Amino acid sequence: PFPTELTDEIGDLLGTRGKEFGTVTSRKRRCGWFDGVLVRQ
């Protein structure tokens, strides 16, 4: 599960600018908005 996941151009932008690929697997990371609820938890 990933409640704040973005599958649109913003998600792609975050992935591109953040170079979101796994260090170990090189898998593309799923990207989304900051989830304050989860972080607080």
ModelCIF file with pLDDT and N, C-alpha, C, O atoms, coordinates in Angstrom:
data_MODEL
#
_entry.id   MODEL 
#
_entity.id                         1 
_entity.type                       polymer 
_entity.pdbx_number_of_molecules   1 
#
_entity_poly.entity_id                      1 
_entity_poly.type                           'polypeptide(L)' 
_entity_poly.nstd_linkage                   no 
_entity_poly.nstd_monomer                   no 
_entity_poly.pdbx_seq_one_letter_code       PFPTELTDEIGDLLGTRGKEFGTVTSRKRRCGWFDGVLVRQ 
_entity_poly.pdbx_seq_one_letter_code_can   PFPTELTDEIGDLLGTRGKEFGTVTSRKRRCGWFDGVLVRQ 
_entity_poly.pdbx_strand_id                 A 
#
loop_
_entity_poly_seq.entity_id 
_entity_poly_seq.num 
_entity_poly_seq.mon_id 
_entity_poly_seq.hetero 
1 1  PRO n 
1 2  PHE n 
1 3  PRO n 
1 4  THR n 
1 5  GLU n 
1 6  LEU n 
1 7  THR n 
1 8  ASP n 
1 9  GLU n 
1 10 ILE n 
1 11 GLY n 
1 12 ASP n 
1 13 LEU n 
1 14 LEU n 
1 15 GLY n 
1 16 THR n 
1 17 ARG n 
1 18 GLY n 
1 19 LYS n 
1 20 GLU n 
1 21 PHE n 
1 22 GLY n 
1 23 THR n 
1 24 VAL n 
1 25 THR n 
1 26 SER n 
1 27 ARG n 
1 28 LYS n 
1 29 ARG n 
1 30 ARG n 
1 31 CYS n 
1 32 GLY n 
1 33 TRP n 
1 34 PHE n 
1 35 ASP n 
1 36 GLY n 
1 37 VAL n 
1 38 LEU n 
1 39 VAL n 
1 40 ARG n 
1 41 GLN n 
#
_struct_asym.id          A 
_struct_asym.entity_id   1 
#
loop_
_ma_qa_metric.id 
_ma_qa_metric.mode 
_ma_qa_metric.name 
_ma_qa_metric.software_group_id 
_ma_qa_metric.type 
1 global pLDDT . pLDDT 
2 local  pLDDT . pLDDT 
#
_ma_qa_metric_global.metric_id      1 
_ma_qa_metric_global.metric_value   89.76 
_ma_qa_metric_global.model_id       1 
_ma_qa_metric_global.ordinal_id     1 
#
loop_
_ma_qa_metric_local.label_asym_id 
_ma_qa_metric_local.label_comp_id 
_ma_qa_metric_local.label_seq_id 
_ma_qa_metric_local.metric_id 
_ma_qa_metric_local.metric_value 
_ma_qa_metric_local.model_id 
_ma_qa_metric_local.ordinal_id 
A PRO 1  2 96.00 1 1  
A PHE 2  2 97.00 1 2  
A PRO 3  2 97.00 1 3  
A THR 4  2 98.00 1 4  
A GLU 5  2 97.00 1 5  
A LEU 6  2 96.00 1 6  
A THR 7  2 95.00 1 7  
A ASP 8  2 95.00 1 8  
A GLU 9  2 95.00 1 9  
A ILE 10 2 95.00 1 10 
A GLY 11 2 94.00 1 11 
A ASP 12 2 94.00 1 12 
A LEU 13 2 94.00 1 13 
A LEU 14 2 95.00 1 14 
A GLY 15 2 93.00 1 15 
A THR 16 2 92.00 1 16 
A ARG 17 2 93.00 1 17 
A GLY 18 2 91.00 1 18 
A LYS 19 2 88.00 1 19 
A GLU 20 2 89.00 1 20 
A PHE 21 2 78.00 1 21 
A GLY 22 2 64.00 1 22 
A THR 23 2 58.00 1 23 
A VAL 24 2 58.00 1 24 
A THR 25 2 58.00 1 25 
A SER 26 2 64.00 1 26 
A ARG 27 2 73.00 1 27 
A LYS 28 2 86.00 1 28 
A ARG 29 2 91.00 1 29 
A ARG 30 2 95.00 1 30 
A CYS 31 2 96.00 1 31 
A GLY 32 2 97.00 1 32 
A TRP 33 2 98.00 1 33 
A PHE 34 2 98.00 1 34 
A ASP 35 2 98.00 1 35 
A GLY 36 2 98.00 1 36 
A VAL 37 2 98.00 1 37 
A LEU 38 2 97.00 1 38 
A VAL 39 2 97.00 1 39 
A ARG 40 2 97.00 1 40 
A GLN 41 2 97.00 1 41 
#
loop_
_atom_site.group_PDB 
_atom_site.id 
_atom_site.type_symbol 
_atom_site.label_atom_id 
_atom_site.label_alt_id 
_atom_site.label_comp_id 
_atom_site.label_asym_id 
_atom_site.label_entity_id 
_atom_site.label_seq_id 
_atom_site.pdbx_PDB_ins_code 
_atom_site.Cartn_x 
_atom_site.Cartn_y 
_atom_site.Cartn_z 
_atom_site.occupancy 
_atom_site.B_iso_or_equiv 
_atom_site.pdbx_formal_charge 
_atom_site.auth_seq_id 
_atom_site.auth_comp_id 
_atom_site.auth_asym_id 
_atom_site.auth_atom_id 
_atom_site.pdbx_PDB_model_num 
ATOM 1   N N  . PRO A 1 1  ? 0.818  -1.218 0.000   1.00 96.00 ? 1  PRO A N  1 
ATOM 2   C CA . PRO A 1 1  ? 0.000  0.000  0.000   1.00 96.00 ? 1  PRO A CA 1 
ATOM 3   C C  . PRO A 1 1  ? 0.850  1.265  0.000   1.00 96.00 ? 1  PRO A C  1 
ATOM 4   O O  . PRO A 1 1  ? 1.968  1.280  0.515   1.00 96.00 ? 1  PRO A O  1 
ATOM 5   N N  . PHE A 1 2  ? 0.300  2.324  -0.586  1.00 97.00 ? 2  PHE A N  1 
ATOM 6   C CA . PHE A 1 2  ? 0.998  3.598  -0.686  1.00 97.00 ? 2  PHE A CA 1 
ATOM 7   C C  . PHE A 1 2  ? -0.070 4.662  -0.913  1.00 97.00 ? 2  PHE A C  1 
ATOM 8   O O  . PHE A 1 2  ? -0.329 5.040  -2.055  1.00 97.00 ? 2  PHE A O  1 
ATOM 9   N N  . PRO A 1 3  ? -0.698 5.155  0.165   1.00 97.00 ? 3  PRO A N  1 
ATOM 10  C CA . PRO A 1 3  ? -1.858 6.041  0.028   1.00 97.00 ? 3  PRO A CA 1 
ATOM 11  C C  . PRO A 1 3  ? -1.614 7.297  -0.796  1.00 97.00 ? 3  PRO A C  1 
ATOM 12  O O  . PRO A 1 3  ? -2.518 7.726  -1.513  1.00 97.00 ? 3  PRO A O  1 
ATOM 13  N N  . THR A 1 4  ? -0.435 7.904  -0.726  1.00 98.00 ? 4  THR A N  1 
ATOM 14  C CA . THR A 1 4  ? -0.188 9.179  -1.413  1.00 98.00 ? 4  THR A CA 1 
ATOM 15  C C  . THR A 1 4  ? 0.536  9.019  -2.742  1.00 98.00 ? 4  THR A C  1 
ATOM 16  O O  . THR A 1 4  ? 1.057  9.993  -3.284  1.00 98.00 ? 4  THR A O  1 
ATOM 17  N N  . GLU A 1 5  ? 0.574  7.803  -3.269  1.00 97.00 ? 5  GLU A N  1 
ATOM 18  C CA . GLU A 1 5  ? 1.304  7.552  -4.512  1.00 97.00 ? 5  GLU A CA 1 
ATOM 19  C C  . GLU A 1 5  ? 0.740  8.387  -5.659  1.00 97.00 ? 5  GLU A C  1 
ATOM 20  O O  . GLU A 1 5  ? -0.473 8.542  -5.794  1.00 97.00 ? 5  GLU A O  1 
ATOM 21  N N  . LEU A 1 6  ? 1.643  8.921  -6.483  1.00 96.00 ? 6  LEU A N  1 
ATOM 22  C CA . LEU A 1 6  ? 1.285  9.696  -7.665  1.00 96.00 ? 6  LEU A CA 1 
ATOM 23  C C  . LEU A 1 6  ? 1.723  8.942  -8.914  1.00 96.00 ? 6  LEU A C  1 
ATOM 24  O O  . LEU A 1 6  ? 2.907  8.649  -9.086  1.00 96.00 ? 6  LEU A O  1 
ATOM 25  N N  . THR A 1 7  ? 0.781  8.633  -9.773  1.00 95.00 ? 7  THR A N  1 
ATOM 26  C CA . THR A 1 7  ? 1.103  7.920  -11.016 1.00 95.00 ? 7  THR A CA 1 
ATOM 27  C C  . THR A 1 7  ? 1.005  8.851  -12.219 1.00 95.00 ? 7  THR A C  1 
ATOM 28  O O  . THR A 1 7  ? 0.900  8.398  -13.359 1.00 95.00 ? 7  THR A O  1 
ATOM 29  N N  . ASP A 1 8  ? 1.041  10.153 -11.958 1.00 95.00 ? 8  ASP A N  1 
ATOM 30  C CA . ASP A 1 8  ? 0.908  11.146 -13.017 1.00 95.00 ? 8  ASP A CA 1 
ATOM 31  C C  . ASP A 1 8  ? 2.258  11.802 -13.303 1.00 95.00 ? 8  ASP A C  1 
ATOM 32  O O  . ASP A 1 8  ? 3.304  11.298 -12.894 1.00 95.00 ? 8  ASP A O  1 
ATOM 33  N N  . GLU A 1 9  ? 2.220  12.929 -14.008 1.00 95.00 ? 9  GLU A N  1 
ATOM 34  C CA . GLU A 1 9  ? 3.453  13.617 -14.379 1.00 95.00 ? 9  GLU A CA 1 
ATOM 35  C C  . GLU A 1 9  ? 4.199  14.167 -13.160 1.00 95.00 ? 9  GLU A C  1 
ATOM 36  O O  . GLU A 1 9  ? 5.423  14.297 -13.201 1.00 95.00 ? 9  GLU A O  1 
ATOM 37  N N  . ILE A 1 10 ? 3.486  14.492 -12.079 1.00 95.00 ? 10 ILE A N  1 
ATOM 38  C CA . ILE A 1 10 ? 4.159  14.983 -10.875 1.00 95.00 ? 10 ILE A CA 1 
ATOM 39  C C  . ILE A 1 10 ? 4.970  13.859 -10.234 1.00 95.00 ? 10 ILE A C  1 
ATOM 40  O O  . ILE A 1 10 ? 6.101  14.067 -9.796  1.00 95.00 ? 10 ILE A O  1 
ATOM 41  N N  . GLY A 1 11 ? 4.376  12.664 -10.186 1.00 94.00 ? 11 GLY A N  1 
ATOM 42  C CA . GLY A 1 11 ? 5.111  11.509 -9.690  1.00 94.00 ? 11 GLY A CA 1 
ATOM 43  C C  . GLY A 1 11 ? 6.355  11.234 -10.518 1.00 94.00 ? 11 GLY A C  1 
ATOM 44  O O  . GLY A 1 11 ? 7.411  10.904 -9.977  1.00 94.00 ? 11 GLY A O  1 
ATOM 45  N N  . ASP A 1 12 ? 6.226  11.370 -11.838 1.00 94.00 ? 12 ASP A N  1 
ATOM 46  C CA . ASP A 1 12 ? 7.380  11.188 -12.721 1.00 94.00 ? 12 ASP A CA 1 
ATOM 47  C C  . ASP A 1 12 ? 8.441  12.255 -12.472 1.00 94.00 ? 12 ASP A C  1 
ATOM 48  O O  . ASP A 1 12 ? 9.638  11.967 -12.488 1.00 94.00 ? 12 ASP A O  1 
ATOM 49  N N  . LEU A 1 13 ? 7.990  13.496 -12.239 1.00 94.00 ? 13 LEU A N  1 
ATOM 50  C CA . LEU A 1 13 ? 8.920  14.593 -11.972 1.00 94.00 ? 13 LEU A CA 1 
ATOM 51  C C  . LEU A 1 13 ? 9.702  14.348 -10.686 1.00 94.00 ? 13 LEU A C  1 
ATOM 52  O O  . LEU A 1 13 ? 10.916 14.551 -10.648 1.00 94.00 ? 13 LEU A O  1 
ATOM 53  N N  . LEU A 1 14 ? 9.015  13.914 -9.637  1.00 95.00 ? 14 LEU A N  1 
ATOM 54  C CA . LEU A 1 14 ? 9.689  13.613 -8.379  1.00 95.00 ? 14 LEU A CA 1 
ATOM 55  C C  . LEU A 1 14 ? 10.723 12.505 -8.568  1.00 95.00 ? 14 LEU A C  1 
ATOM 56  O O  . LEU A 1 14 ? 11.833 12.580 -8.043  1.00 95.00 ? 14 LEU A O  1 
ATOM 57  N N  . GLY A 1 15 ? 10.343 11.479 -9.325  1.00 93.00 ? 15 GLY A N  1 
ATOM 58  C CA . GLY A 1 15 ? 11.259 10.373 -9.573  1.00 93.00 ? 15 GLY A CA 1 
ATOM 59  C C  . GLY A 1 15 ? 12.476 10.784 -10.365 1.00 93.00 ? 15 GLY A C  1 
ATOM 60  O O  . GLY A 1 15 ? 13.589 10.340 -10.083 1.00 93.00 ? 15 GLY A O  1 
ATOM 61  N N  . THR A 1 16 ? 12.265 11.642 -11.368 1.00 92.00 ? 16 THR A N  1 
ATOM 62  C CA . THR A 1 16 ? 13.366 12.096 -12.209 1.00 92.00 ? 16 THR A CA 1 
ATOM 63  C C  . THR A 1 16 ? 14.306 13.021 -11.447 1.00 92.00 ? 16 THR A C  1 
ATOM 64  O O  . THR A 1 16 ? 15.519 12.813 -11.436 1.00 92.00 ? 16 THR A O  1 
ATOM 65  N N  . ARG A 1 17 ? 13.736 14.050 -10.805 1.00 93.00 ? 17 ARG A N  1 
ATOM 66  C CA . ARG A 1 17 ? 14.563 15.018 -10.078 1.00 93.00 ? 17 ARG A CA 1 
ATOM 67  C C  . ARG A 1 17 ? 15.237 14.381 -8.866  1.00 93.00 ? 17 ARG A C  1 
ATOM 68  O O  . ARG A 1 17 ? 16.362 14.741 -8.519  1.00 93.00 ? 17 ARG A O  1 
ATOM 69  N N  . GLY A 1 18 ? 14.559 13.446 -8.229  1.00 91.00 ? 18 GLY A N  1 
ATOM 70  C CA . GLY A 1 18 ? 15.120 12.792 -7.060  1.00 91.00 ? 18 GLY A CA 1 
ATOM 71  C C  . GLY A 1 18 ? 16.001 11.604 -7.364  1.00 91.00 ? 18 GLY A C  1 
ATOM 72  O O  . GLY A 1 18 ? 16.556 10.985 -6.456  1.00 91.00 ? 18 GLY A O  1 
ATOM 73  N N  . LYS A 1 19 ? 16.135 11.271 -8.673  1.00 88.00 ? 19 LYS A N  1 
ATOM 74  C CA . LYS A 1 19 ? 16.919 10.099 -9.092  1.00 88.00 ? 19 LYS A CA 1 
ATOM 75  C C  . LYS A 1 19 ? 16.498 8.871  -8.288  1.00 88.00 ? 19 LYS A C  1 
ATOM 76  O O  . LYS A 1 19 ? 17.318 8.193  -7.668  1.00 88.00 ? 19 LYS A O  1 
ATOM 77  N N  . GLU A 1 20 ? 15.189 8.610  -8.322  1.00 89.00 ? 20 GLU A N  1 
ATOM 78  C CA . GLU A 1 20 ? 14.592 7.586  -7.482  1.00 89.00 ? 20 GLU A CA 1 
ATOM 79  C C  . GLU A 1 20 ? 14.681 6.202  -8.113  1.00 89.00 ? 20 GLU A C  1 
ATOM 80  O O  . GLU A 1 20 ? 13.723 5.674  -8.677  1.00 89.00 ? 20 GLU A O  1 
ATOM 81  N N  . PHE A 1 21 ? 15.877 5.645  -7.988  1.00 78.00 ? 21 PHE A N  1 
ATOM 82  C CA . PHE A 1 21 ? 16.138 4.274  -8.400  1.00 78.00 ? 21 PHE A CA 1 
ATOM 83  C C  . PHE A 1 21 ? 16.883 3.584  -7.266  1.00 78.00 ? 21 PHE A C  1 
ATOM 84  O O  . PHE A 1 21 ? 17.790 4.168  -6.673  1.00 78.00 ? 21 PHE A O  1 
ATOM 85  N N  . GLY A 1 22 ? 16.506 2.341  -6.959  1.00 64.00 ? 22 GLY A N  1 
ATOM 86  C CA . GLY A 1 22 ? 17.092 1.631  -5.840  1.00 64.00 ? 22 GLY A CA 1 
ATOM 87  C C  . GLY A 1 22 ? 18.591 1.442  -5.979  1.00 64.00 ? 22 GLY A C  1 
ATOM 88  O O  . GLY A 1 22 ? 19.079 1.088  -7.053  1.00 64.00 ? 22 GLY A O  1 
ATOM 89  N N  . THR A 1 23 ? 19.335 1.681  -4.879  1.00 58.00 ? 23 THR A N  1 
ATOM 90  C CA . THR A 1 23 ? 20.779 1.501  -4.883  1.00 58.00 ? 23 THR A CA 1 
ATOM 91  C C  . THR A 1 23 ? 21.157 0.050  -5.132  1.00 58.00 ? 23 THR A C  1 
ATOM 92  O O  . THR A 1 23 ? 22.127 -0.226 -5.838  1.00 58.00 ? 23 THR A O  1 
ATOM 93  N N  . VAL A 1 24 ? 20.409 -0.872 -4.564  1.00 58.00 ? 24 VAL A N  1 
ATOM 94  C CA . VAL A 1 24 ? 20.722 -2.298 -4.668  1.00 58.00 ? 24 VAL A CA 1 
ATOM 95  C C  . VAL A 1 24 ? 20.161 -2.910 -5.940  1.00 58.00 ? 24 VAL A C  1 
ATOM 96  O O  . VAL A 1 24 ? 20.867 -3.629 -6.647  1.00 58.00 ? 24 VAL A O  1 
ATOM 97  N N  . THR A 1 25 ? 18.880 -2.628 -6.240  1.00 58.00 ? 25 THR A N  1 
ATOM 98  C CA . THR A 1 25 ? 18.197 -3.322 -7.339  1.00 58.00 ? 25 THR A CA 1 
ATOM 99  C C  . THR A 1 25 ? 18.070 -2.488 -8.604  1.00 58.00 ? 25 THR A C  1 
ATOM 100 O O  . THR A 1 25 ? 17.775 -3.034 -9.667  1.00 58.00 ? 25 THR A O  1 
ATOM 101 N N  . SER A 1 26 ? 18.285 -1.176 -8.516  1.00 64.00 ? 26 SER A N  1 
ATOM 102 C CA . SER A 1 26 ? 18.068 -0.233 -9.627  1.00 64.00 ? 26 SER A CA 1 
ATOM 103 C C  . SER A 1 26 ? 16.599 -0.139 -10.030 1.00 64.00 ? 26 SER A C  1 
ATOM 104 O O  . SER A 1 26 ? 16.272 0.442  -11.065 1.00 64.00 ? 26 SER A O  1 
ATOM 105 N N  . ARG A 1 27 ? 15.709 -0.717 -9.204  1.00 73.00 ? 27 ARG A N  1 
ATOM 106 C CA . ARG A 1 27 ? 14.283 -0.609 -9.487  1.00 73.00 ? 27 ARG A CA 1 
ATOM 107 C C  . ARG A 1 27 ? 13.811 0.828  -9.320  1.00 73.00 ? 27 ARG A C  1 
ATOM 108 O O  . ARG A 1 27 ? 14.252 1.538  -8.416  1.00 73.00 ? 27 ARG A O  1 
ATOM 109 N N  . LYS A 1 28 ? 12.902 1.249  -10.210 1.00 86.00 ? 28 LYS A N  1 
ATOM 110 C CA . LYS A 1 28 ? 12.317 2.578  -10.108 1.00 86.00 ? 28 LYS A CA 1 
ATOM 111 C C  . LYS A 1 28 ? 11.439 2.636  -8.861  1.00 86.00 ? 28 LYS A C  1 
ATOM 112 O O  . LYS A 1 28 ? 10.613 1.754  -8.625  1.00 86.00 ? 28 LYS A O  1 
ATOM 113 N N  . ARG A 1 29 ? 11.632 3.691  -8.069  1.00 91.00 ? 29 ARG A N  1 
ATOM 114 C CA . ARG A 1 29 ? 10.823 3.871  -6.870  1.00 91.00 ? 29 ARG A CA 1 
ATOM 115 C C  . ARG A 1 29 ? 9.493  4.523  -7.187  1.00 91.00 ? 29 ARG A C  1 
ATOM 116 O O  . ARG A 1 29 ? 9.406  5.397  -8.050  1.00 91.00 ? 29 ARG A O  1 
ATOM 117 N N  . ARG A 1 30 ? 8.465  4.097  -6.490  1.00 95.00 ? 30 ARG A N  1 
ATOM 118 C CA . ARG A 1 30 ? 7.164  4.743  -6.569  1.00 95.00 ? 30 ARG A CA 1 
ATOM 119 C C  . ARG A 1 30 ? 7.240  6.057  -5.785  1.00 95.00 ? 30 ARG A C  1 
ATOM 120 O O  . ARG A 1 30 ? 7.859  6.095  -4.722  1.00 95.00 ? 30 ARG A O  1 
ATOM 121 N N  . CYS A 1 31 ? 6.635  7.116  -6.276  1.00 96.00 ? 31 CYS A N  1 
ATOM 122 C CA . CYS A 1 31 ? 6.752  8.432  -5.657  1.00 96.00 ? 31 CYS A CA 1 
ATOM 123 C C  . CYS A 1 31 ? 5.378  9.016  -5.335  1.00 96.00 ? 31 CYS A C  1 
ATOM 124 O O  . CYS A 1 31 ? 4.399  8.745  -6.030  1.00 96.00 ? 31 CYS A O  1 
ATOM 125 N N  . GLY A 1 32 ? 5.317  9.816  -4.280  1.00 97.00 ? 32 GLY A N  1 
ATOM 126 C CA . GLY A 1 32 ? 4.068  10.464 -3.905  1.00 97.00 ? 32 GLY A CA 1 
ATOM 127 C C  . GLY A 1 32 ? 4.297  11.626 -2.964  1.00 97.00 ? 32 GLY A C  1 
ATOM 128 O O  . GLY A 1 32 ? 5.430  11.926 -2.586  1.00 97.00 ? 32 GLY A O  1 
ATOM 129 N N  . TRP A 1 33 ? 3.203  12.277 -2.589  1.00 98.00 ? 33 TRP A N  1 
ATOM 130 C CA . TRP A 1 33 ? 3.283  13.416 -1.666  1.00 98.00 ? 33 TRP A CA 1 
ATOM 131 C C  . TRP A 1 33 ? 3.716  12.979 -0.266  1.00 98.00 ? 33 TRP A C  1 
ATOM 132 O O  . TRP A 1 33 ? 3.616  11.807 0.097   1.00 98.00 ? 33 TRP A O  1 
ATOM 133 N N  . PHE A 1 34 ? 4.188  13.932 0.494   1.00 98.00 ? 34 PHE A N  1 
ATOM 134 C CA . PHE A 1 34 ? 4.577  13.675 1.869   1.00 98.00 ? 34 PHE A CA 1 
ATOM 135 C C  . PHE A 1 34 ? 3.367  13.206 2.666   1.00 98.00 ? 34 PHE A C  1 
ATOM 136 O O  . PHE A 1 34 ? 2.321  13.855 2.660   1.00 98.00 ? 34 PHE A O  1 
ATOM 137 N N  . ASP A 1 35 ? 3.516  12.074 3.353   1.00 98.00 ? 35 ASP A N  1 
ATOM 138 C CA . ASP A 1 35 ? 2.438  11.509 4.160   1.00 98.00 ? 35 ASP A CA 1 
ATOM 139 C C  . ASP A 1 35 ? 2.704  11.833 5.624   1.00 98.00 ? 35 ASP A C  1 
ATOM 140 O O  . ASP A 1 35 ? 3.409  11.100 6.317   1.00 98.00 ? 35 ASP A O  1 
ATOM 141 N N  . GLY A 1 36 ? 2.132  12.940 6.083   1.00 98.00 ? 36 GLY A N  1 
ATOM 142 C CA . GLY A 1 36 ? 2.331  13.379 7.459   1.00 98.00 ? 36 GLY A CA 1 
ATOM 143 C C  . GLY A 1 36 ? 1.751  12.418 8.479   1.00 98.00 ? 36 GLY A C  1 
ATOM 144 O O  . GLY A 1 36 ? 2.283  12.285 9.581   1.00 98.00 ? 36 GLY A O  1 
ATOM 145 N N  . VAL A 1 37 ? 0.657  11.744 8.117   1.00 98.00 ? 37 VAL A N  1 
ATOM 146 C CA . VAL A 1 37 ? 0.018  10.798 9.030   1.00 98.00 ? 37 VAL A CA 1 
ATOM 147 C C  . VAL A 1 37 ? 0.960  9.636  9.328   1.00 98.00 ? 37 VAL A C  1 
ATOM 148 O O  . VAL A 1 37 ? 1.158  9.262  10.484  1.00 98.00 ? 37 VAL A O  1 
ATOM 149 N N  . LEU A 1 38 ? 1.533  9.072  8.272   1.00 97.00 ? 38 LEU A N  1 
ATOM 150 C CA . LEU A 1 38 ? 2.421  7.935  8.448   1.00 97.00 ? 38 LEU A CA 1 
ATOM 151 C C  . LEU A 1 38 ? 3.693  8.319  9.186   1.00 97.00 ? 38 LEU A C  1 
ATOM 152 O O  . LEU A 1 38 ? 4.144  7.586  10.066  1.00 97.00 ? 38 LEU A O  1 
ATOM 153 N N  . VAL A 1 39 ? 4.275  9.460  8.836   1.00 97.00 ? 39 VAL A N  1 
ATOM 154 C CA . VAL A 1 39 ? 5.508  9.874  9.496   1.00 97.00 ? 39 VAL A CA 1 
ATOM 155 C C  . VAL A 1 39 ? 5.263  10.142 10.977  1.00 97.00 ? 39 VAL A C  1 
ATOM 156 O O  . VAL A 1 39 ? 6.067  9.745  11.821  1.00 97.00 ? 39 VAL A O  1 
ATOM 157 N N  . ARG A 1 40 ? 4.164  10.810 11.296  1.00 97.00 ? 40 ARG A N  1 
ATOM 158 C CA . ARG A 1 40 ? 3.825  11.044 12.706  1.00 97.00 ? 40 ARG A CA 1 
ATOM 159 C C  . ARG A 1 40 ? 3.685  9.721  13.442  1.00 97.00 ? 40 ARG A C  1 
ATOM 160 O O  . ARG A 1 40 ? 4.090  9.604  14.599  1.00 97.00 ? 40 ARG A O  1 
ATOM 161 N N  . GLN A 1 41 ? 3.114  8.727  12.775  1.00 97.00 ? 41 GLN A N  1 
ATOM 162 C CA . GLN A 1 41 ? 2.930  7.401  13.357  1.00 97.00 ? 41 GLN A CA 1 
ATOM 163 C C  . GLN A 1 41 ? 4.282  6.721  13.612  1.00 97.00 ? 41 GLN A C  1 
ATOM 164 O O  . GLN A 1 41 ? 4.322  5.592  14.102  1.00 97.00 ? 41 GLN A O  1 
#
